């Protein structure tokens, strides 16, 4: 796994704070569970990999 640049670490922290504050829940139906895995570098890499795969 590669190390995050300081800017990426800041963006990750900001995203995590937004998620913990409930910033995205207004965008999803009530049936979607509100529990989620902690935001980690590994999770962010998996999400990025999935998004790149979908974009191809």
C-alpha atoms as a PDB file:
ATOM      1  CA  UNK A   1       0.000   0.000   0.000  1.00  0.00           C
ATOM      2  CA  UNK A   2       1.319   3.448  -0.805  1.00  0.00           C
ATOM      3  CA  UNK A   3       1.604   6.280   1.691  1.00  0.00           C
ATOM      4  CA  UNK A   4      -0.810   9.198   1.431  1.00  0.00           C
ATOM      5  CA  UNK A   5       0.478  12.643   0.599  1.00  0.00           C
ATOM      6  CA  UNK A   6      -0.350  15.228   3.294  1.00  0.00           C
ATOM      7  CA  UNK A   7      -3.062  16.751   1.060  1.00  0.00           C
ATOM      8  CA  UNK A   8      -4.717  13.344   0.578  1.00  0.00           C
ATOM      9  CA  UNK A   9      -4.679  12.740   4.329  1.00  0.00           C
ATOM     10  CA  UNK A  10      -6.416  16.090   4.858  1.00  0.00           C
ATOM     11  CA  UNK A  11      -9.058  15.262   2.215  1.00  0.00           C
ATOM     12  CA  UNK A  12      -9.621  11.847   3.808  1.00  0.00           C
ATOM     13  CA  UNK A  13     -10.045  13.450   7.239  1.00  0.00           C
ATOM     14  CA  UNK A  14     -12.498  15.998   5.816  1.00  0.00           C
ATOM     15  CA  UNK A  15     -14.502  13.272   4.093  1.00  0.00           C
ATOM     16  CA  UNK A  16     -14.591  11.200   7.261  1.00  0.00           C
ATOM     17  CA  UNK A  17     -15.789  14.220   9.269  1.00  0.00           C
ATOM     18  CA  UNK A  18     -18.537  14.892   6.716  1.00  0.00           C
ATOM     19  CA  UNK A  19     -19.684  11.256   6.787  1.00  0.00           C
ATOM     20  CA  UNK A  20     -19.674  11.144  10.611  1.00  0.00           C
ATOM     21  CA  UNK A  21     -21.693  14.362  10.708  1.00  0.00           C
ATOM     22  CA  UNK A  22     -24.374  12.757   8.510  1.00  0.00           C
ATOM     23  CA  UNK A  23     -23.592  14.929   5.494  1.00  0.00           C
ATOM     24  CA  UNK A  24     -24.607  12.356   2.870  1.00  0.00           C
ATOM     25  CA  UNK A  25     -27.625  10.648   4.431  1.00  0.00           C
ATOM     26  CA  UNK A  26     -30.128  13.074   2.915  1.00  0.00           C
ATOM     27  CA  UNK A  27     -29.106  11.673  -0.488  1.00  0.00           C
ATOM     28  CA  UNK A  28     -30.104   8.050   0.163  1.00  0.00           C
ATOM     29  CA  UNK A  29     -33.402   6.326   0.972  1.00  0.00           C
ATOM     30  CA  UNK A  30     -34.228   5.508   4.589  1.00  0.00           C
ATOM     31  CA  UNK A  31     -33.891   1.762   3.860  1.00  0.00           C
ATOM     32  CA  UNK A  32     -30.114   2.117   3.410  1.00  0.00           C
ATOM     33  CA  UNK A  33     -28.276   1.137   6.610  1.00  0.00           C
ATOM     34  CA  UNK A  34     -26.555   4.006   8.391  1.00  0.00           C
ATOM     35  CA  UNK A  35     -23.714   1.856   9.712  1.00  0.00           C
ATOM     36  CA  UNK A  36     -20.511   1.785   7.691  1.00  0.00           C
ATOM     37  CA  UNK A  37     -16.914   0.655   7.936  1.00  0.00           C
ATOM     38  CA  UNK A  38     -14.384   3.138   9.326  1.00  0.00           C
ATOM     39  CA  UNK A  39     -12.817   5.241   6.575  1.00  0.00           C
ATOM     40  CA  UNK A  40      -9.329   3.790   6.119  1.00  0.00           C
ATOM     41  CA  UNK A  41      -6.716   4.075   3.414  1.00  0.00           C
ATOM     42  CA  UNK A  42      -7.492   0.499   2.371  1.00  0.00           C
ATOM     43  CA  UNK A  43     -11.212   1.266   2.059  1.00  0.00           C
ATOM     44  CA  UNK A  44     -10.532   4.431   0.040  1.00  0.00           C
ATOM     45  CA  UNK A  45      -8.252   2.460  -2.312  1.00  0.00           C
ATOM     46  CA  UNK A  46     -10.946  -0.217  -2.776  1.00  0.00           C
ATOM     47  CA  UNK A  47     -13.527   2.461  -3.589  1.00  0.00           C
ATOM     48  CA  UNK A  48     -11.163   4.182  -6.022  1.00  0.00           C
ATOM     49  CA  UNK A  49     -10.371   0.852  -7.713  1.00  0.00           C
ATOM     50  CA  UNK A  50     -14.090   0.093  -8.064  1.00  0.00           C
ATOM     51  CA  UNK A  51     -14.848   3.529  -9.509  1.00  0.00           C
ATOM     52  CA  UNK A  52     -12.032   3.191 -12.039  1.00  0.00           C
ATOM     53  CA  UNK A  53     -13.307  -0.251 -13.052  1.00  0.00           C
ATOM     54  CA  UNK A  54     -16.833   1.120 -13.567  1.00  0.00           C
ATOM     55  CA  UNK A  55     -15.500   4.095 -15.573  1.00  0.00           C
ATOM     56  CA  UNK A  56     -13.738   1.820 -18.100  1.00  0.00           C
END
